[in-house]
N, C-alpha and C. Protein backbone atom coordinates (compact mmCIF):
# COMPACT_ATOMS: atom_id res chain seq x y z
N UNK A 1 -73.45 -54.75 100.33
CA UNK A 1 -72.87 -55.14 101.64
C UNK A 1 -72.77 -56.59 101.78
N UNK A 2 -71.71 -56.92 102.43
CA UNK A 2 -71.25 -58.22 102.49
C UNK A 2 -72.25 -59.13 103.45
N UNK A 3 -72.53 -60.45 102.96
CA UNK A 3 -73.42 -61.07 103.74
C UNK A 3 -72.61 -61.81 104.98
N UNK A 4 -73.16 -61.88 106.10
CA UNK A 4 -72.52 -62.72 107.23
C UNK A 4 -72.42 -64.12 106.85
N UNK A 5 -71.31 -64.61 107.46
CA UNK A 5 -71.01 -65.98 107.34
C UNK A 5 -70.98 -66.67 108.56
N UNK A 6 -71.59 -67.99 108.47
CA UNK A 6 -71.64 -68.91 109.72
C UNK A 6 -72.29 -68.29 110.86
N UNK A 7 -73.35 -67.48 110.68
CA UNK A 7 -74.12 -66.84 111.64
C UNK A 7 -73.45 -65.57 112.32
N UNK A 8 -72.32 -65.05 111.63
CA UNK A 8 -71.59 -63.86 112.32
C UNK A 8 -72.37 -62.71 111.75
N UNK A 9 -71.88 -61.58 112.21
CA UNK A 9 -72.47 -60.29 111.88
C UNK A 9 -71.38 -59.50 111.04
N UNK A 10 -71.84 -58.53 110.16
CA UNK A 10 -71.00 -57.61 109.63
C UNK A 10 -70.98 -56.32 110.37
N UNK A 11 -69.87 -55.96 110.74
CA UNK A 11 -69.74 -54.68 111.49
C UNK A 11 -69.52 -53.61 110.46
N UNK A 12 -70.44 -52.60 110.50
CA UNK A 12 -70.24 -51.46 109.66
C UNK A 12 -69.30 -50.41 110.24
N UNK A 13 -68.98 -50.40 111.52
CA UNK A 13 -68.05 -49.31 112.04
C UNK A 13 -66.63 -49.78 111.57
N UNK A 14 -65.87 -48.54 111.11
CA UNK A 14 -64.43 -48.87 110.89
C UNK A 14 -63.77 -48.45 112.15
N UNK A 15 -62.70 -49.36 112.46
CA UNK A 15 -62.01 -49.29 113.76
C UNK A 15 -60.54 -49.13 113.53
N UNK A 16 -59.97 -48.28 114.48
CA UNK A 16 -58.46 -47.99 114.49
C UNK A 16 -57.89 -48.51 115.93
N UNK A 17 -56.98 -49.11 115.95
CA UNK A 17 -56.36 -49.70 117.19
C UNK A 17 -54.98 -49.12 117.37
N UNK A 18 -54.61 -48.62 118.52
CA UNK A 18 -53.38 -48.15 118.98
C UNK A 18 -52.39 -49.04 119.69
N UNK A 19 -51.21 -49.10 119.28
CA UNK A 19 -50.08 -49.58 120.00
C UNK A 19 -48.81 -48.99 119.72
N UNK A 20 -48.08 -48.51 120.58
CA UNK A 20 -46.79 -47.89 120.24
C UNK A 20 -45.75 -47.87 121.32
N UNK A 21 -44.72 -47.26 121.03
CA UNK A 21 -43.63 -47.16 121.97
C UNK A 21 -43.91 -46.42 123.28
N UNK A 22 -43.30 -46.75 124.28
CA UNK A 22 -43.42 -46.08 125.56
C UNK A 22 -42.56 -44.86 125.60
N UNK A 23 -42.70 -43.78 126.33
CA UNK A 23 -41.75 -42.67 126.26
C UNK A 23 -40.38 -42.98 126.36
N UNK A 24 -40.00 -43.77 127.26
CA UNK A 24 -38.55 -44.00 127.34
C UNK A 24 -37.89 -44.54 126.19
N UNK A 25 -38.64 -45.12 125.22
CA UNK A 25 -38.08 -45.69 124.02
C UNK A 25 -37.90 -44.49 122.91
N UNK A 26 -38.63 -43.40 123.18
CA UNK A 26 -38.57 -42.26 122.17
C UNK A 26 -37.83 -41.15 122.68
N UNK A 27 -37.43 -40.17 121.79
CA UNK A 27 -36.54 -39.05 122.22
C UNK A 27 -37.47 -38.26 123.12
N UNK A 28 -36.70 -37.76 124.12
CA UNK A 28 -37.42 -36.94 125.07
C UNK A 28 -37.47 -35.49 124.60
N UNK A 29 -38.35 -34.75 125.22
CA UNK A 29 -38.71 -33.29 125.02
C UNK A 29 -37.40 -32.41 125.12
N UNK A 30 -36.46 -32.76 125.95
CA UNK A 30 -35.16 -32.00 126.25
C UNK A 30 -34.03 -32.55 125.53
N UNK A 31 -34.16 -33.66 124.72
CA UNK A 31 -33.09 -34.14 123.99
C UNK A 31 -32.85 -33.33 122.55
N UNK A 32 -31.79 -33.72 122.10
CA UNK A 32 -31.46 -33.16 120.73
C UNK A 32 -32.43 -33.61 119.69
N UNK A 33 -33.08 -34.83 119.97
CA UNK A 33 -34.04 -35.05 118.98
C UNK A 33 -35.44 -34.76 119.34
N UNK A 34 -35.73 -33.56 120.11
CA UNK A 34 -36.95 -33.17 120.47
C UNK A 34 -37.89 -32.81 119.24
N UNK A 35 -37.25 -32.53 118.21
CA UNK A 35 -38.09 -32.08 116.99
C UNK A 35 -38.50 -33.44 116.48
N UNK A 36 -37.78 -34.49 116.61
CA UNK A 36 -38.33 -35.91 116.02
C UNK A 36 -39.50 -36.14 116.75
N UNK A 37 -39.53 -36.01 118.13
CA UNK A 37 -40.64 -36.36 118.92
C UNK A 37 -41.94 -35.56 118.60
N UNK A 38 -41.68 -34.23 118.36
CA UNK A 38 -42.86 -33.40 117.90
C UNK A 38 -43.43 -33.86 116.54
N UNK A 39 -42.43 -34.28 115.75
CA UNK A 39 -42.96 -34.86 114.42
C UNK A 39 -43.64 -36.21 114.48
N UNK A 40 -43.24 -37.03 115.43
CA UNK A 40 -44.02 -38.09 115.63
C UNK A 40 -45.38 -37.87 116.21
N UNK A 41 -45.51 -36.98 117.10
CA UNK A 41 -46.92 -36.69 117.78
C UNK A 41 -47.71 -36.01 116.74
N UNK A 42 -47.19 -35.21 115.90
CA UNK A 42 -47.88 -34.47 114.71
C UNK A 42 -48.38 -35.36 113.79
N UNK A 43 -47.60 -36.50 113.38
CA UNK A 43 -47.94 -37.37 112.34
C UNK A 43 -49.13 -38.50 113.01
N UNK A 44 -49.05 -38.68 114.27
CA UNK A 44 -50.11 -39.44 114.84
C UNK A 44 -51.34 -38.62 114.92
N UNK A 45 -51.27 -37.44 115.33
CA UNK A 45 -52.42 -36.51 115.20
C UNK A 45 -53.19 -36.55 113.86
N UNK A 46 -52.24 -36.35 112.78
CA UNK A 46 -52.86 -36.16 111.37
C UNK A 46 -53.35 -37.54 110.95
N UNK A 47 -52.77 -38.55 111.27
CA UNK A 47 -53.39 -40.02 110.85
C UNK A 47 -54.70 -40.10 111.62
N UNK A 48 -54.84 -39.88 112.83
CA UNK A 48 -56.05 -39.86 113.37
C UNK A 48 -57.13 -39.12 112.83
N UNK A 49 -56.74 -37.92 112.64
CA UNK A 49 -57.58 -36.89 111.95
C UNK A 49 -58.05 -37.52 110.58
N UNK A 50 -57.16 -37.87 109.84
CA UNK A 50 -57.49 -38.27 108.49
C UNK A 50 -58.30 -39.56 108.57
N UNK A 51 -58.16 -40.42 109.55
CA UNK A 51 -59.00 -41.67 109.63
C UNK A 51 -60.51 -41.28 110.02
N UNK A 52 -60.60 -40.27 110.87
CA UNK A 52 -61.91 -39.74 111.20
C UNK A 52 -62.60 -39.15 109.99
N UNK A 53 -61.82 -38.37 109.09
CA UNK A 53 -62.29 -37.96 107.97
C UNK A 53 -62.81 -38.98 106.98
N UNK A 54 -62.10 -40.19 106.99
CA UNK A 54 -62.28 -41.24 106.13
C UNK A 54 -63.45 -42.12 106.51
N UNK A 55 -64.00 -41.80 107.76
CA UNK A 55 -65.20 -42.46 108.24
C UNK A 55 -64.80 -43.54 109.40
N UNK A 56 -63.70 -43.50 109.87
CA UNK A 56 -63.34 -44.40 110.97
C UNK A 56 -64.03 -43.75 112.27
N UNK A 57 -64.70 -44.49 113.04
CA UNK A 57 -65.47 -43.96 114.13
C UNK A 57 -65.04 -44.50 115.54
N UNK A 58 -64.37 -45.79 115.47
CA UNK A 58 -64.16 -46.51 116.71
C UNK A 58 -62.68 -46.48 116.81
N UNK A 59 -62.20 -45.96 117.95
CA UNK A 59 -60.64 -45.92 118.32
C UNK A 59 -60.42 -46.69 119.52
N UNK A 60 -59.50 -47.75 119.37
CA UNK A 60 -59.30 -48.47 120.66
C UNK A 60 -57.84 -48.36 121.18
N UNK A 61 -57.57 -48.01 122.38
CA UNK A 61 -56.32 -48.00 122.98
C UNK A 61 -56.16 -48.91 124.19
N UNK A 62 -54.87 -49.32 124.36
CA UNK A 62 -54.63 -50.16 125.54
C UNK A 62 -54.04 -49.40 126.67
N UNK A 63 -54.16 -48.13 126.57
CA UNK A 63 -53.82 -47.34 127.89
C UNK A 63 -52.33 -47.31 128.22
N UNK A 64 -51.45 -47.80 127.36
CA UNK A 64 -49.98 -47.72 127.86
C UNK A 64 -49.56 -46.24 127.77
N UNK A 65 -48.49 -45.99 128.60
CA UNK A 65 -47.93 -44.61 128.57
C UNK A 65 -47.23 -44.44 127.11
N UNK A 66 -47.07 -43.23 126.68
CA UNK A 66 -46.60 -42.90 125.34
C UNK A 66 -47.56 -42.82 124.33
N UNK A 67 -47.39 -43.66 123.23
CA UNK A 67 -48.32 -43.48 122.07
C UNK A 67 -49.64 -43.72 122.29
N UNK A 68 -50.04 -44.93 123.05
CA UNK A 68 -51.39 -45.18 123.35
C UNK A 68 -52.12 -44.01 124.02
N UNK A 69 -51.57 -43.29 125.07
CA UNK A 69 -52.12 -42.14 125.73
C UNK A 69 -52.29 -41.05 124.78
N UNK A 70 -51.13 -40.70 124.08
CA UNK A 70 -51.30 -39.61 123.21
C UNK A 70 -52.38 -39.70 122.15
N UNK A 71 -52.45 -40.95 121.67
CA UNK A 71 -53.49 -41.18 120.62
C UNK A 71 -54.84 -40.99 121.27
N UNK A 72 -55.05 -41.56 122.51
CA UNK A 72 -56.48 -41.44 123.08
C UNK A 72 -56.73 -39.90 123.35
N UNK A 73 -55.70 -38.99 123.67
CA UNK A 73 -55.94 -37.57 124.04
C UNK A 73 -56.29 -37.00 122.78
N UNK A 74 -55.67 -37.42 121.61
CA UNK A 74 -56.03 -36.73 120.36
C UNK A 74 -57.44 -37.14 119.81
N UNK A 75 -57.85 -38.40 120.08
CA UNK A 75 -59.25 -38.93 119.64
C UNK A 75 -60.16 -37.81 120.60
N UNK A 76 -59.98 -37.74 121.90
CA UNK A 76 -60.84 -36.95 122.72
C UNK A 76 -60.90 -35.64 122.17
N UNK A 77 -59.80 -35.05 121.81
CA UNK A 77 -59.76 -33.70 121.20
C UNK A 77 -60.56 -33.59 119.90
N UNK A 78 -60.51 -34.48 119.02
CA UNK A 78 -61.24 -34.61 117.62
C UNK A 78 -62.68 -34.75 118.01
N UNK A 79 -63.13 -35.15 119.00
CA UNK A 79 -64.59 -35.50 119.24
C UNK A 79 -65.27 -34.14 119.12
N UNK A 80 -64.64 -33.00 119.28
CA UNK A 80 -65.28 -31.64 119.02
C UNK A 80 -65.57 -31.49 117.60
N UNK A 81 -64.88 -31.94 116.72
CA UNK A 81 -65.18 -31.81 115.19
C UNK A 81 -65.96 -32.94 114.63
N UNK A 82 -65.66 -34.22 115.23
CA UNK A 82 -66.39 -35.42 114.85
C UNK A 82 -67.08 -35.97 115.91
N UNK A 83 -68.33 -35.67 116.14
CA UNK A 83 -69.17 -36.03 117.32
C UNK A 83 -69.42 -37.60 117.31
N UNK A 84 -69.33 -38.33 116.26
CA UNK A 84 -69.56 -39.71 116.39
C UNK A 84 -68.45 -40.65 116.84
N UNK A 85 -67.35 -39.89 117.03
CA UNK A 85 -66.04 -40.92 117.38
C UNK A 85 -66.27 -41.55 118.90
N UNK A 86 -65.89 -42.64 118.80
CA UNK A 86 -65.83 -43.50 120.11
C UNK A 86 -64.45 -43.79 120.56
N UNK A 87 -64.02 -43.55 121.86
CA UNK A 87 -62.87 -44.04 122.29
C UNK A 87 -63.06 -45.18 123.30
N UNK A 88 -62.50 -46.31 122.87
CA UNK A 88 -62.73 -47.48 123.78
C UNK A 88 -61.30 -47.75 124.44
N UNK A 89 -61.22 -47.85 125.76
CA UNK A 89 -60.02 -48.01 126.44
C UNK A 89 -59.97 -49.48 127.04
N UNK A 90 -59.09 -50.20 126.69
CA UNK A 90 -59.01 -51.44 127.11
C UNK A 90 -57.87 -51.60 128.18
N UNK A 91 -58.39 -51.89 129.45
CA UNK A 91 -57.45 -51.84 130.51
C UNK A 91 -56.79 -53.32 130.68
N UNK A 92 -55.43 -53.19 130.40
CA UNK A 92 -54.81 -54.47 130.20
C UNK A 92 -54.80 -55.34 131.40
N UNK A 93 -54.69 -54.87 132.55
CA UNK A 93 -54.74 -55.53 133.74
C UNK A 93 -55.77 -54.96 134.83
N UNK A 94 -56.02 -55.68 135.82
CA UNK A 94 -56.84 -55.16 136.82
C UNK A 94 -56.32 -53.90 137.58
N UNK A 95 -54.96 -53.92 137.84
CA UNK A 95 -54.26 -52.94 138.60
C UNK A 95 -53.68 -51.85 137.75
N UNK A 96 -53.86 -52.00 136.40
CA UNK A 96 -53.50 -50.70 135.54
C UNK A 96 -53.81 -49.60 135.88
N UNK A 97 -52.58 -48.70 136.10
CA UNK A 97 -52.87 -47.22 136.44
C UNK A 97 -52.83 -46.94 137.87
N UNK A 98 -52.78 -47.90 138.67
CA UNK A 98 -52.76 -47.71 140.11
C UNK A 98 -51.50 -47.12 140.64
N UNK A 99 -50.30 -47.36 139.86
CA UNK A 99 -49.12 -46.87 140.46
C UNK A 99 -48.71 -45.43 139.60
N UNK A 100 -49.75 -44.87 138.79
CA UNK A 100 -49.55 -43.61 138.22
C UNK A 100 -49.62 -42.56 139.31
N UNK A 101 -48.94 -41.42 139.06
CA UNK A 101 -49.08 -40.33 140.03
C UNK A 101 -50.51 -39.56 139.60
N UNK A 102 -50.89 -38.74 140.53
CA UNK A 102 -52.12 -38.01 140.27
C UNK A 102 -52.30 -37.52 138.78
N UNK A 103 -51.24 -36.83 138.33
CA UNK A 103 -51.31 -36.20 137.17
C UNK A 103 -51.35 -37.29 135.98
N UNK A 104 -50.70 -38.31 136.19
CA UNK A 104 -50.69 -39.47 135.18
C UNK A 104 -52.01 -40.04 135.07
N UNK A 105 -52.56 -40.14 136.27
CA UNK A 105 -53.97 -41.01 136.35
C UNK A 105 -55.08 -40.31 135.63
N UNK A 106 -54.95 -38.88 135.48
CA UNK A 106 -55.97 -38.14 134.73
C UNK A 106 -55.85 -38.50 133.36
N UNK A 107 -54.75 -39.01 132.75
CA UNK A 107 -54.51 -39.39 131.36
C UNK A 107 -55.22 -40.74 131.13
N UNK A 108 -55.08 -41.46 132.21
CA UNK A 108 -55.69 -42.95 131.91
C UNK A 108 -57.13 -42.82 132.16
């Protein structure tokens, strides 16, 4: 194990952070490219699952619509198989989420 430098600590938890495109920047579910959107979501799920299998336990999201929230949902889903996972949600502003519809606020 690496020695801490300058009074710092060595963090033993492996961490993954999410940031990605908003839904309006990606193909929609009713577009010609709907298959591409499904592929993006599948790859995101696969990478999160693979990270958990490789020992990553801490997942951080900024709660933006699109990739950030999809990733958060997948982490919550995977907690059934990997009980040690932590999802850390970083609220970017004090008012973040206040303009969401009731359905959207459940995701935040």
